[in-house]
Amino acid sequence: MLRTPPDGDRRTALKARHRRAIIDAAAVLIDETGVATFTVDELAARADVSRRTIFNHFDSIDDVVTTVCSEVLEGVLDEFMVRPPATGAVDMFDELADVLRATDLVPPMAYLTRVIGMEDPGDPSPRQAVMLLSAFTDVSQRLSDELTTRHPGTDLLDIHLMVSALFGGLVVLHRYWFEATGAAVDSESRRVWSDLLERLIIATRTGHRASSTPLA
């Protein structure tokens, strides 16, 4: 005889299904229009949940969209998870730097740029700036958690400082990459991104000394 799950387990599973349905529905709506312009009612109808259920899981539509964008950026985590753990603080930095080099972040960054409606890389609205930062922050937190699991003897502060420095730098790089490429997804855009990323890795590893190297 099958055992009936406890009420708490059923509620947890239902909440998880609802959250997943909301995120998936938002991703489909974004794919249909290319931008995040749907309303709460449209999202609720597509996810087959109530408005109240959406706000039980997310603070706003922007929160839902940011979650979709952070999942798109999670290629960094996918690349990281298939690699064997490194040992030592220096090796851990190199490990993370190699993951960033190996991950094609140009398509997800172009997706994020389009979805939040950015037009001027030098003058994002406060809303757009918050959404961009939040998407990268979500991924960096998950990556920090994975590094903590892989390197239990490493000081948590060292892990958080390292990840925050690199991922905060990615947010800065996004602006310069966007200015140089218009958020295109092509070989030249990837070259620009690769050059910028190397500057970030070097600056994070050695310190932010003045450089005469021009931006890509």
N, C-alpha and C. Protein backbone atom coordinates (compact mmCIF):
# COMPACT_ATOMS: atom_id res chain seq x y z
N MET A 1 0.85 -1.19 0.00
CA MET A 1 0.00 0.00 0.00
C MET A 1 0.88 1.24 0.00
N LEU A 2 0.54 2.19 -0.86
CA LEU A 2 1.31 3.42 -0.91
C LEU A 2 1.03 4.27 0.31
N ARG A 3 2.10 4.82 0.85
CA ARG A 3 1.95 5.67 2.03
C ARG A 3 1.55 7.07 1.60
N THR A 4 0.53 7.62 2.25
CA THR A 4 0.09 8.98 1.97
C THR A 4 1.09 9.95 2.57
N PRO A 5 1.63 10.86 1.77
CA PRO A 5 2.60 11.82 2.31
C PRO A 5 1.98 12.68 3.39
N PRO A 6 2.73 13.04 4.41
CA PRO A 6 2.21 13.95 5.44
C PRO A 6 1.76 15.26 4.82
N ASP A 7 0.84 15.94 5.52
CA ASP A 7 0.30 17.19 5.01
C ASP A 7 1.40 18.20 4.72
N GLY A 8 2.40 18.26 5.59
CA GLY A 8 3.50 19.21 5.39
C GLY A 8 4.26 18.93 4.11
N ASP A 9 4.49 17.66 3.82
CA ASP A 9 5.19 17.30 2.59
C ASP A 9 4.37 17.67 1.36
N ARG A 10 3.05 17.44 1.43
CA ARG A 10 2.19 17.78 0.30
C ARG A 10 2.17 19.28 0.06
N ARG A 11 2.11 20.05 1.13
CA ARG A 11 2.11 21.50 0.99
C ARG A 11 3.43 22.00 0.40
N THR A 12 4.52 21.40 0.86
CA THR A 12 5.83 21.80 0.34
C THR A 12 5.95 21.48 -1.15
N ALA A 13 5.48 20.29 -1.52
CA ALA A 13 5.53 19.89 -2.92
C ALA A 13 4.64 20.78 -3.78
N LEU A 14 3.46 21.15 -3.26
CA LEU A 14 2.55 22.02 -4.00
C LEU A 14 3.15 23.40 -4.19
N LYS A 15 3.79 23.92 -3.14
CA LYS A 15 4.42 25.24 -3.25
C LYS A 15 5.54 25.21 -4.28
N ALA A 16 6.31 24.13 -4.28
CA ALA A 16 7.40 24.01 -5.24
C ALA A 16 6.85 23.94 -6.67
N ARG A 17 5.75 23.20 -6.87
CA ARG A 17 5.15 23.10 -8.20
C ARG A 17 4.63 24.46 -8.66
N HIS A 18 3.99 25.18 -7.75
CA HIS A 18 3.47 26.50 -8.10
C HIS A 18 4.60 27.46 -8.47
N ARG A 19 5.65 27.46 -7.69
CA ARG A 19 6.78 28.35 -7.99
C ARG A 19 7.39 28.01 -9.36
N ARG A 20 7.57 26.72 -9.60
CA ARG A 20 8.14 26.30 -10.88
C ARG A 20 7.21 26.69 -12.03
N ALA A 21 5.90 26.53 -11.83
CA ALA A 21 4.93 26.87 -12.88
C ALA A 21 4.97 28.36 -13.19
N ILE A 22 5.15 29.19 -12.18
CA ILE A 22 5.20 30.64 -12.38
C ILE A 22 6.45 31.02 -13.18
N ILE A 23 7.60 30.45 -12.79
CA ILE A 23 8.85 30.76 -13.49
C ILE A 23 8.77 30.29 -14.94
N ASP A 24 8.28 29.07 -15.16
CA ASP A 24 8.19 28.52 -16.51
C ASP A 24 7.23 29.34 -17.37
N ALA A 25 6.12 29.75 -16.78
CA ALA A 25 5.15 30.55 -17.53
C ALA A 25 5.75 31.90 -17.91
N ALA A 26 6.48 32.51 -16.99
CA ALA A 26 7.12 33.79 -17.28
C ALA A 26 8.13 33.64 -18.42
N ALA A 27 8.89 32.56 -18.40
CA ALA A 27 9.88 32.33 -19.46
C ALA A 27 9.19 32.17 -20.82
N VAL A 28 8.06 31.49 -20.86
CA VAL A 28 7.32 31.31 -22.12
C VAL A 28 6.78 32.65 -22.60
N LEU A 29 6.23 33.45 -21.70
CA LEU A 29 5.69 34.76 -22.09
C LEU A 29 6.80 35.66 -22.62
N ILE A 30 7.96 35.59 -22.00
CA ILE A 30 9.10 36.39 -22.47
C ILE A 30 9.52 35.93 -23.86
N ASP A 31 9.58 34.63 -24.08
CA ASP A 31 9.97 34.10 -25.38
C ASP A 31 8.98 34.51 -26.48
N GLU A 32 7.71 34.63 -26.13
CA GLU A 32 6.70 34.97 -27.12
C GLU A 32 6.81 36.42 -27.59
N THR A 33 7.21 37.31 -26.69
CA THR A 33 7.24 38.74 -27.03
C THR A 33 8.66 39.30 -27.13
N GLY A 34 9.62 38.60 -26.56
CA GLY A 34 11.00 39.08 -26.57
C GLY A 34 11.35 39.99 -25.41
N VAL A 35 10.32 40.46 -24.69
CA VAL A 35 10.56 41.33 -23.54
C VAL A 35 9.59 40.94 -22.43
N ALA A 36 9.88 41.48 -21.23
CA ALA A 36 9.04 41.16 -20.07
C ALA A 36 7.97 42.24 -19.91
N THR A 37 6.90 42.13 -20.71
CA THR A 37 5.84 43.14 -20.66
C THR A 37 4.51 42.58 -20.19
N PHE A 38 4.48 41.36 -19.70
CA PHE A 38 3.23 40.74 -19.29
C PHE A 38 2.76 41.29 -17.95
N THR A 39 1.47 41.15 -17.71
CA THR A 39 0.88 41.60 -16.45
C THR A 39 0.78 40.43 -15.46
N VAL A 40 0.44 40.76 -14.23
CA VAL A 40 0.25 39.72 -13.23
C VAL A 40 -0.89 38.79 -13.65
N ASP A 41 -1.97 39.37 -14.17
CA ASP A 41 -3.10 38.54 -14.58
C ASP A 41 -2.72 37.59 -15.72
N GLU A 42 -1.94 38.09 -16.67
CA GLU A 42 -1.50 37.24 -17.78
C GLU A 42 -0.60 36.12 -17.29
N LEU A 43 0.28 36.44 -16.35
CA LEU A 43 1.16 35.42 -15.80
C LEU A 43 0.38 34.39 -15.00
N ALA A 44 -0.57 34.85 -14.20
CA ALA A 44 -1.38 33.92 -13.40
C ALA A 44 -2.17 32.97 -14.30
N ALA A 45 -2.74 33.51 -15.37
CA ALA A 45 -3.51 32.67 -16.28
C ALA A 45 -2.62 31.64 -16.95
N ARG A 46 -1.44 32.05 -17.38
CA ARG A 46 -0.54 31.13 -18.08
C ARG A 46 -0.01 30.04 -17.13
N ALA A 47 0.24 30.42 -15.87
CA ALA A 47 0.75 29.46 -14.90
C ALA A 47 -0.35 28.65 -14.23
N ASP A 48 -1.61 29.03 -14.49
CA ASP A 48 -2.76 28.37 -13.88
C ASP A 48 -2.72 28.45 -12.36
N VAL A 49 -2.42 29.65 -11.88
CA VAL A 49 -2.43 29.92 -10.45
C VAL A 49 -3.15 31.25 -10.23
N SER A 50 -3.42 31.58 -8.98
CA SER A 50 -4.07 32.85 -8.68
C SER A 50 -3.05 33.97 -8.55
N ARG A 51 -3.52 35.21 -8.63
CA ARG A 51 -2.64 36.36 -8.38
C ARG A 51 -2.00 36.23 -6.99
N ARG A 52 -2.80 35.82 -6.03
CA ARG A 52 -2.29 35.71 -4.67
C ARG A 52 -1.14 34.71 -4.59
N THR A 53 -1.25 33.61 -5.34
CA THR A 53 -0.18 32.61 -5.32
C THR A 53 1.12 33.20 -5.85
N ILE A 54 1.02 34.01 -6.90
CA ILE A 54 2.23 34.64 -7.43
C ILE A 54 2.91 35.48 -6.35
N PHE A 55 2.13 36.26 -5.64
CA PHE A 55 2.73 37.14 -4.63
C PHE A 55 3.07 36.41 -3.34
N ASN A 56 2.63 35.16 -3.22
CA ASN A 56 3.12 34.33 -2.11
C ASN A 56 4.55 33.88 -2.36
N HIS A 57 4.96 33.86 -3.62
CA HIS A 57 6.28 33.39 -3.99
C HIS A 57 7.23 34.51 -4.40
N PHE A 58 6.69 35.59 -4.95
CA PHE A 58 7.53 36.67 -5.48
C PHE A 58 6.98 38.02 -5.04
N ASP A 59 7.88 38.96 -4.87
CA ASP A 59 7.47 40.30 -4.42
C ASP A 59 6.83 41.10 -5.54
N SER A 60 7.20 40.82 -6.78
CA SER A 60 6.72 41.62 -7.90
C SER A 60 6.98 40.86 -9.20
N ILE A 61 6.46 41.38 -10.30
CA ILE A 61 6.75 40.83 -11.61
C ILE A 61 8.25 40.91 -11.89
N ASP A 62 8.86 42.02 -11.49
CA ASP A 62 10.31 42.16 -11.70
C ASP A 62 11.08 41.06 -10.98
N ASP A 63 10.59 40.65 -9.82
CA ASP A 63 11.24 39.56 -9.08
C ASP A 63 11.14 38.25 -9.86
N VAL A 64 9.99 38.02 -10.48
CA VAL A 64 9.83 36.82 -11.31
C VAL A 64 10.79 36.87 -12.50
N VAL A 65 10.84 38.01 -13.17
CA VAL A 65 11.69 38.16 -14.34
C VAL A 65 13.16 38.00 -13.97
N THR A 66 13.56 38.56 -12.84
CA THR A 66 14.94 38.42 -12.39
C THR A 66 15.28 36.96 -12.15
N THR A 67 14.35 36.20 -11.60
CA THR A 67 14.57 34.78 -11.37
C THR A 67 14.75 34.04 -12.69
N VAL A 68 13.94 34.37 -13.69
CA VAL A 68 14.10 33.77 -15.02
C VAL A 68 15.48 34.08 -15.57
N CYS A 69 15.89 35.34 -15.45
CA CYS A 69 17.19 35.75 -15.99
C CYS A 69 18.34 35.07 -15.26
N SER A 70 18.23 34.93 -13.95
CA SER A 70 19.30 34.29 -13.20
C SER A 70 19.42 32.82 -13.58
N GLU A 71 18.30 32.17 -13.89
CA GLU A 71 18.35 30.77 -14.35
C GLU A 71 19.03 30.68 -15.71
N VAL A 72 18.81 31.68 -16.56
CA VAL A 72 19.47 31.69 -17.86
C VAL A 72 20.98 31.85 -17.69
N LEU A 73 21.39 32.62 -16.68
CA LEU A 73 22.82 32.83 -16.41
C LEU A 73 23.49 31.63 -15.75
N GLU A 74 22.71 30.66 -15.36
CA GLU A 74 23.27 29.57 -14.56
C GLU A 74 24.15 28.61 -15.36
N GLY A 75 24.46 28.94 -16.60
CA GLY A 75 25.44 28.16 -17.32
C GLY A 75 26.77 28.12 -16.60
N VAL A 76 27.04 29.18 -15.82
CA VAL A 76 28.26 29.20 -15.00
C VAL A 76 28.23 28.04 -14.01
N LEU A 77 27.10 27.83 -13.38
CA LEU A 77 26.98 26.74 -12.42
C LEU A 77 27.06 25.39 -13.13
N ASP A 78 26.43 25.28 -14.30
CA ASP A 78 26.48 24.02 -15.04
C ASP A 78 27.92 23.64 -15.36
N GLU A 79 28.69 24.63 -15.80
CA GLU A 79 30.10 24.39 -16.14
C GLU A 79 30.89 24.02 -14.89
N PHE A 80 30.57 24.66 -13.77
CA PHE A 80 31.29 24.43 -12.53
C PHE A 80 31.01 23.03 -11.98
N MET A 81 29.75 22.60 -12.06
CA MET A 81 29.35 21.35 -11.43
C MET A 81 30.00 20.13 -12.07
N VAL A 82 30.38 20.23 -13.34
CA VAL A 82 30.97 19.07 -14.01
C VAL A 82 32.47 18.99 -13.78
N ARG A 83 33.04 19.96 -13.11
CA ARG A 83 34.48 19.97 -12.88
C ARG A 83 34.81 19.38 -11.52
N PRO A 84 35.91 18.65 -11.42
CA PRO A 84 36.31 18.13 -10.11
C PRO A 84 36.76 19.27 -9.22
N PRO A 85 36.59 19.14 -7.90
CA PRO A 85 37.00 20.20 -6.98
C PRO A 85 38.50 20.46 -7.05
N ALA A 86 38.85 21.73 -6.94
CA ALA A 86 40.26 22.11 -6.81
C ALA A 86 40.60 22.18 -5.33
N THR A 87 41.88 22.29 -5.03
CA THR A 87 42.32 22.37 -3.64
C THR A 87 43.16 23.61 -3.44
N GLY A 88 43.01 24.23 -2.27
CA GLY A 88 43.81 25.40 -1.95
C GLY A 88 43.14 26.69 -2.39
N ALA A 89 43.40 27.80 -1.68
CA ALA A 89 42.75 29.07 -1.95
C ALA A 89 43.08 29.58 -3.35
N VAL A 90 44.37 29.51 -3.74
CA VAL A 90 44.77 30.00 -5.06
C VAL A 90 44.14 29.15 -6.14
N ASP A 91 44.18 27.83 -5.97
CA ASP A 91 43.58 26.94 -6.95
C ASP A 91 42.09 27.21 -7.10
N MET A 92 41.44 27.56 -6.01
CA MET A 92 40.00 27.82 -6.05
C MET A 92 39.72 29.04 -6.92
N PHE A 93 40.54 30.06 -6.82
CA PHE A 93 40.37 31.24 -7.68
C PHE A 93 40.58 30.86 -9.14
N ASP A 94 41.65 30.14 -9.41
CA ASP A 94 41.93 29.72 -10.78
C ASP A 94 40.82 28.84 -11.33
N GLU A 95 40.29 27.99 -10.46
CA GLU A 95 39.19 27.12 -10.86
C GLU A 95 37.99 27.95 -11.31
N LEU A 96 37.64 28.96 -10.52
CA LEU A 96 36.50 29.79 -10.86
C LEU A 96 36.79 30.64 -12.10
N ALA A 97 38.00 31.15 -12.22
CA ALA A 97 38.38 31.94 -13.39
C ALA A 97 38.27 31.08 -14.66
N ASP A 98 38.72 29.84 -14.58
CA ASP A 98 38.64 28.96 -15.74
C ASP A 98 37.20 28.66 -16.12
N VAL A 99 36.33 28.54 -15.12
CA VAL A 99 34.91 28.31 -15.39
C VAL A 99 34.31 29.51 -16.14
N LEU A 100 34.65 30.71 -15.69
CA LEU A 100 34.15 31.90 -16.36
C LEU A 100 34.65 31.99 -17.79
N ARG A 101 35.90 31.62 -18.00
CA ARG A 101 36.45 31.62 -19.37
C ARG A 101 35.74 30.60 -20.25
N ALA A 102 35.42 29.45 -19.68
CA ALA A 102 34.86 28.35 -20.47
C ALA A 102 33.37 28.50 -20.74
N THR A 103 32.70 29.37 -20.00
CA THR A 103 31.26 29.52 -20.13
C THR A 103 30.93 30.62 -21.13
N ASP A 104 30.09 30.32 -22.08
CA ASP A 104 29.67 31.31 -23.07
C ASP A 104 28.56 32.16 -22.46
N LEU A 105 28.96 33.28 -21.85
CA LEU A 105 28.00 34.15 -21.19
C LEU A 105 27.37 35.16 -22.13
N VAL A 106 27.84 35.25 -23.36
CA VAL A 106 27.30 36.26 -24.27
C VAL A 106 25.80 36.04 -24.56
N PRO A 107 25.35 34.84 -24.93
CA PRO A 107 23.91 34.66 -25.17
C PRO A 107 23.04 34.98 -23.96
N PRO A 108 23.37 34.47 -22.75
CA PRO A 108 22.51 34.82 -21.61
C PRO A 108 22.54 36.31 -21.27
N MET A 109 23.68 36.97 -21.45
CA MET A 109 23.74 38.41 -21.18
C MET A 109 22.92 39.18 -22.21
N ALA A 110 22.94 38.75 -23.45
CA ALA A 110 22.12 39.40 -24.47
C ALA A 110 20.64 39.20 -24.15
N TYR A 111 20.29 38.00 -23.70
CA TYR A 111 18.92 37.70 -23.30
C TYR A 111 18.49 38.62 -22.17
N LEU A 112 19.33 38.72 -21.14
CA LEU A 112 19.01 39.55 -19.99
C LEU A 112 18.85 41.01 -20.41
N THR A 113 19.76 41.50 -21.25
CA THR A 113 19.71 42.88 -21.71
C THR A 113 18.40 43.17 -22.43
N ARG A 114 18.00 42.24 -23.29
CA ARG A 114 16.77 42.42 -24.05
C ARG A 114 15.54 42.34 -23.16
N VAL A 115 15.53 41.37 -22.25
CA VAL A 115 14.35 41.12 -21.44
C VAL A 115 14.03 42.30 -20.52
N ILE A 116 15.05 42.90 -19.92
CA ILE A 116 14.78 44.01 -19.00
C ILE A 116 14.67 45.34 -19.72
N GLY A 117 14.79 45.30 -21.05
CA GLY A 117 14.52 46.49 -21.85
C GLY A 117 15.61 47.54 -21.84
N MET A 118 16.86 47.15 -21.67
CA MET A 118 17.94 48.12 -21.65
C MET A 118 18.22 48.63 -23.06
N GLU A 119 18.31 49.95 -23.19
CA GLU A 119 18.61 50.57 -24.48
C GLU A 119 19.91 51.36 -24.44
N ASP A 120 20.20 51.99 -23.31
CA ASP A 120 21.41 52.80 -23.17
C ASP A 120 22.29 52.18 -22.09
N PRO A 121 23.39 51.54 -22.46
CA PRO A 121 24.24 50.88 -21.45
C PRO A 121 24.80 51.85 -20.42
N GLY A 122 24.95 53.10 -20.79
CA GLY A 122 25.51 54.07 -19.86
C GLY A 122 24.48 54.70 -18.94
N ASP A 123 23.19 54.45 -19.21
CA ASP A 123 22.16 55.11 -18.42
C ASP A 123 20.97 54.19 -18.18
N PRO A 124 21.21 53.05 -17.49
CA PRO A 124 20.08 52.18 -17.18
C PRO A 124 19.19 52.85 -16.14
N SER A 125 17.91 52.54 -16.17
CA SER A 125 17.01 53.06 -15.15
C SER A 125 17.33 52.38 -13.82
N PRO A 126 16.93 52.98 -12.69
CA PRO A 126 17.16 52.31 -11.40
C PRO A 126 16.58 50.90 -11.37
N ARG A 127 15.41 50.73 -11.98
CA ARG A 127 14.79 49.40 -12.02
C ARG A 127 15.66 48.42 -12.79
N GLN A 128 16.15 48.83 -13.96
CA GLN A 128 16.97 47.95 -14.77
C GLN A 128 18.28 47.62 -14.06
N ALA A 129 18.88 48.61 -13.41
CA ALA A 129 20.14 48.37 -12.70
C ALA A 129 19.95 47.36 -11.58
N VAL A 130 18.84 47.48 -10.86
CA VAL A 130 18.55 46.54 -9.77
C VAL A 130 18.34 45.13 -10.31
N MET A 131 17.60 45.01 -11.40
CA MET A 131 17.33 43.69 -11.97
C MET A 131 18.61 43.04 -12.48
N LEU A 132 19.46 43.83 -13.12
CA LEU A 132 20.73 43.29 -13.62
C LEU A 132 21.59 42.79 -12.47
N LEU A 133 21.71 43.61 -11.43
CA LEU A 133 22.53 43.22 -10.29
C LEU A 133 21.94 42.01 -9.58
N SER A 134 20.63 41.98 -9.45
CA SER A 134 19.98 40.87 -8.74
C SER A 134 20.19 39.54 -9.46
N ALA A 135 20.13 39.57 -10.80
CA ALA A 135 20.32 38.34 -11.56
C ALA A 135 21.71 37.77 -11.33
N PHE A 136 22.73 38.61 -11.36
CA PHE A 136 24.09 38.15 -11.12
C PHE A 136 24.29 37.75 -9.66
N THR A 137 23.63 38.48 -8.75
CA THR A 137 23.78 38.17 -7.32
C THR A 137 23.20 36.81 -7.00
N ASP A 138 22.06 36.47 -7.60
CA ASP A 138 21.45 35.16 -7.36
C ASP A 138 22.41 34.03 -7.75
N VAL A 139 23.03 34.16 -8.91
CA VAL A 139 23.95 33.13 -9.38
C VAL A 139 25.20 33.08 -8.51
N SER A 140 25.71 34.24 -8.11
CA SER A 140 26.92 34.27 -7.29
C SER A 140 26.67 33.63 -5.93
N GLN A 141 25.46 33.79 -5.38
CA GLN A 141 25.16 33.17 -4.09
C GLN A 141 25.14 31.65 -4.21
N ARG A 142 24.55 31.15 -5.28
CA ARG A 142 24.52 29.70 -5.47
C ARG A 142 25.92 29.14 -5.69
N LEU A 143 26.73 29.91 -6.40
CA LEU A 143 28.10 29.48 -6.63
C LEU A 143 28.90 29.50 -5.33
N SER A 144 28.68 30.50 -4.51
CA SER A 144 29.34 30.56 -3.20
C SER A 144 28.96 29.35 -2.35
N ASP A 145 27.69 28.97 -2.39
CA ASP A 145 27.24 27.81 -1.63
C ASP A 145 27.94 26.54 -2.11
N GLU A 146 28.09 26.40 -3.42
CA GLU A 146 28.74 25.21 -3.97
C GLU A 146 30.22 25.19 -3.61
N LEU A 147 30.88 26.35 -3.66
CA LEU A 147 32.29 26.42 -3.27
C LEU A 147 32.45 26.07 -1.79
N THR A 148 31.52 26.51 -0.97
CA THR A 148 31.58 26.21 0.46
C THR A 148 31.49 24.71 0.69
N THR A 149 30.64 24.04 -0.08
CA THR A 149 30.51 22.59 0.03
C THR A 149 31.77 21.88 -0.45
N ARG A 150 32.34 22.37 -1.54
CA ARG A 150 33.52 21.74 -2.12
C ARG A 150 34.79 21.99 -1.30
N HIS A 151 34.84 23.13 -0.62
CA HIS A 151 36.04 23.52 0.12
C HIS A 151 35.67 23.85 1.56
N PRO A 152 35.26 22.84 2.32
CA PRO A 152 34.76 23.09 3.68
C PRO A 152 35.81 23.70 4.61
N GLY A 153 37.08 23.56 4.30
CA GLY A 153 38.11 24.13 5.17
C GLY A 153 38.45 25.57 4.86
N THR A 154 37.85 26.14 3.82
CA THR A 154 38.16 27.50 3.43
C THR A 154 37.28 28.49 4.19
N ASP A 155 37.87 29.58 4.61
CA ASP A 155 37.12 30.60 5.34
C ASP A 155 35.98 31.13 4.47
N LEU A 156 34.77 31.18 5.03
CA LEU A 156 33.61 31.63 4.28
C LEU A 156 33.78 33.05 3.77
N LEU A 157 34.43 33.89 4.55
CA LEU A 157 34.63 35.26 4.12
C LEU A 157 35.49 35.31 2.86
N ASP A 158 36.53 34.47 2.81
CA ASP A 158 37.38 34.44 1.63
C ASP A 158 36.59 34.03 0.39
N ILE A 159 35.72 33.03 0.55
CA ILE A 159 34.90 32.59 -0.58
C ILE A 159 33.97 33.71 -1.04
N HIS A 160 33.30 34.34 -0.09
CA HIS A 160 32.33 35.37 -0.45
C HIS A 160 33.01 36.59 -1.07
N LEU A 161 34.17 36.95 -0.55
CA LEU A 161 34.90 38.08 -1.12
C LEU A 161 35.35 37.79 -2.55
N MET A 162 35.85 36.58 -2.78
CA MET A 162 36.32 36.22 -4.10
C MET A 162 35.18 36.20 -5.11
N VAL A 163 34.08 35.53 -4.77
CA VAL A 163 32.95 35.42 -5.68
C VAL A 163 32.32 36.79 -5.92
N SER A 164 32.19 37.58 -4.85
CA SER A 164 31.58 38.90 -5.00
C SER A 164 32.43 39.81 -5.88
N ALA A 165 33.75 39.72 -5.73
CA ALA A 165 34.63 40.55 -6.56
C ALA A 165 34.48 40.19 -8.03
N LEU A 166 34.46 38.90 -8.34
CA LEU A 166 34.35 38.48 -9.73
C LEU A 166 32.97 38.77 -10.31
N PHE A 167 31.92 38.46 -9.56
CA PHE A 167 30.58 38.65 -10.12
C PHE A 167 30.16 40.11 -10.10
N GLY A 168 30.61 40.87 -9.12
CA GLY A 168 30.38 42.31 -9.19
C GLY A 168 31.08 42.90 -10.39
N GLY A 169 32.26 42.37 -10.70
CA GLY A 169 32.99 42.79 -11.89
C GLY A 169 32.25 42.44 -13.17
N LEU A 170 31.56 41.31 -13.19
CA LEU A 170 30.80 40.93 -14.38
C LEU A 170 29.70 41.95 -14.68
N VAL A 171 29.10 42.49 -13.64
CA VAL A 171 28.07 43.52 -13.83
C VAL A 171 28.69 44.75 -14.49
N VAL A 172 29.89 45.13 -14.06
CA VAL A 172 30.59 46.26 -14.67
C VAL A 172 30.96 45.95 -16.11
N LEU A 173 31.46 44.74 -16.35
CA LEU A 173 31.83 44.34 -17.71
C LEU A 173 30.63 44.40 -18.65
N HIS A 174 29.47 44.06 -18.13
CA HIS A 174 28.27 44.07 -18.97
C HIS A 174 28.08 45.43 -19.63
N ARG A 175 28.30 46.49 -18.89
CA ARG A 175 28.12 47.83 -19.46
C ARG A 175 29.08 48.07 -20.62
N TYR A 176 30.36 47.74 -20.42
CA TYR A 176 31.35 48.00 -21.46
C TYR A 176 31.15 47.07 -22.66
N TRP A 177 30.76 45.84 -22.38
CA TRP A 177 30.45 44.91 -23.47
C TRP A 177 29.25 45.40 -24.27
N PHE A 178 28.21 45.86 -23.60
CA PHE A 178 27.01 46.36 -24.25
C PHE A 178 27.33 47.59 -25.10
N GLU A 179 28.13 48.50 -24.57
CA GLU A 179 28.52 49.69 -25.31
C GLU A 179 29.29 49.33 -26.59
N ALA A 180 30.14 48.32 -26.49
CA ALA A 180 31.00 47.96 -27.62
C ALA A 180 30.28 47.11 -28.66
N THR A 181 29.27 46.35 -28.25
CA THR A 181 28.68 45.35 -29.16
C THR A 181 27.19 45.53 -29.41
N GLY A 182 26.53 46.36 -28.61
CA GLY A 182 25.08 46.46 -28.75
C GLY A 182 24.35 45.19 -28.33
N ALA A 183 25.00 44.39 -27.50
CA ALA A 183 24.43 43.12 -27.02
C ALA A 183 24.23 42.12 -28.16
N ALA A 184 25.08 42.19 -29.16
CA ALA A 184 25.01 41.21 -30.26
C ALA A 184 25.53 39.86 -29.78
N VAL A 185 25.10 38.82 -30.48
CA VAL A 185 25.59 37.47 -30.19
C VAL A 185 26.32 36.99 -31.44
N ASP A 186 27.60 37.25 -31.49
CA ASP A 186 28.41 36.84 -32.65
C ASP A 186 29.87 36.72 -32.20
N SER A 187 30.74 36.37 -33.13
CA SER A 187 32.14 36.11 -32.79
C SER A 187 32.84 37.37 -32.27
N GLU A 188 32.53 38.51 -32.84
CA GLU A 188 33.16 39.75 -32.38
C GLU A 188 32.71 40.09 -30.97
N SER A 189 31.45 39.88 -30.68
CA SER A 189 30.94 40.13 -29.34
C SER A 189 31.62 39.23 -28.32
N ARG A 190 31.84 37.97 -28.70
CA ARG A 190 32.52 37.04 -27.81
C ARG A 190 33.99 37.44 -27.62
N ARG A 191 34.62 37.97 -28.66
CA ARG A 191 36.00 38.42 -28.52
C ARG A 191 36.09 39.59 -27.55
N VAL A 192 35.17 40.53 -27.68
CA VAL A 192 35.15 41.68 -26.77
C VAL A 192 34.94 41.20 -25.34
N TRP A 193 34.00 40.28 -25.15
CA TRP A 193 33.74 39.77 -23.81
C TRP A 193 34.97 39.06 -23.24
N SER A 194 35.63 38.25 -24.04
CA SER A 194 36.81 37.53 -23.58
C SER A 194 37.91 38.49 -23.14
N ASP A 195 38.12 39.55 -23.91
CA ASP A 195 39.15 40.53 -23.55
C ASP A 195 38.80 41.24 -22.24
N LEU A 196 37.55 41.61 -22.09
CA LEU A 196 37.13 42.27 -20.86
C LEU A 196 37.25 41.33 -19.66
N LEU A 197 36.86 40.09 -19.87
CA LEU A 197 36.92 39.12 -18.78
C LEU A 197 38.35 38.92 -18.30
N GLU A 198 39.31 38.86 -19.22
CA GLU A 198 40.71 38.71 -18.81
C GLU A 198 41.16 39.89 -17.97
N ARG A 199 40.72 41.07 -18.32
CA ARG A 199 41.09 42.24 -17.51
C ARG A 199 40.51 42.13 -16.11
N LEU A 200 39.29 41.65 -16.01
CA LEU A 200 38.67 41.47 -14.70
C LEU A 200 39.43 40.43 -13.87
N ILE A 201 39.77 39.31 -14.48
CA ILE A 201 40.47 38.25 -13.75
C ILE A 201 41.84 38.74 -13.27
N ILE A 202 42.56 39.44 -14.13
CA ILE A 202 43.87 39.96 -13.74
C ILE A 202 43.74 40.99 -12.63
N ALA A 203 42.78 41.89 -12.77
CA ALA A 203 42.60 42.93 -11.76
C ALA A 203 42.20 42.34 -10.41
N THR A 204 41.36 41.31 -10.44
CA THR A 204 40.91 40.68 -9.19
C THR A 204 42.05 39.91 -8.54
N ARG A 205 42.88 39.28 -9.36
CA ARG A 205 43.98 38.49 -8.82
C ARG A 205 45.12 39.36 -8.29
N THR A 206 45.45 40.43 -9.01
CA THR A 206 46.66 41.20 -8.69
C THR A 206 46.38 42.54 -8.05
N GLY A 207 45.13 42.98 -8.07
CA GLY A 207 44.82 44.29 -7.53
C GLY A 207 44.55 45.28 -8.65
N HIS A 208 43.89 46.35 -8.32
CA HIS A 208 43.44 47.31 -9.32
C HIS A 208 44.47 48.42 -9.50
N ARG A 209 45.55 48.10 -10.18
CA ARG A 209 46.55 49.12 -10.50
C ARG A 209 46.18 49.81 -11.79
N ALA A 210 46.68 51.01 -11.96
CA ALA A 210 46.39 51.76 -13.18
C ALA A 210 46.93 51.00 -14.38
N SER A 211 46.15 51.05 -15.46
CA SER A 211 46.56 50.32 -16.67
C SER A 211 46.35 51.22 -17.88
N SER A 212 47.29 51.11 -18.82
CA SER A 212 47.16 51.88 -20.05
C SER A 212 46.51 51.08 -21.16
N THR A 213 46.11 49.84 -20.84
CA THR A 213 45.49 48.99 -21.84
C THR A 213 44.11 49.53 -22.20
N PRO A 214 43.85 49.81 -23.46
CA PRO A 214 42.53 50.36 -23.83
C PRO A 214 41.44 49.31 -23.68
N LEU A 215 40.22 49.78 -23.49
CA LEU A 215 39.08 48.86 -23.42
C LEU A 215 38.86 48.26 -24.79
N ALA A 216 38.30 47.02 -24.79
CA ALA A 216 38.03 46.33 -26.07
C ALA A 216 37.06 47.12 -26.90
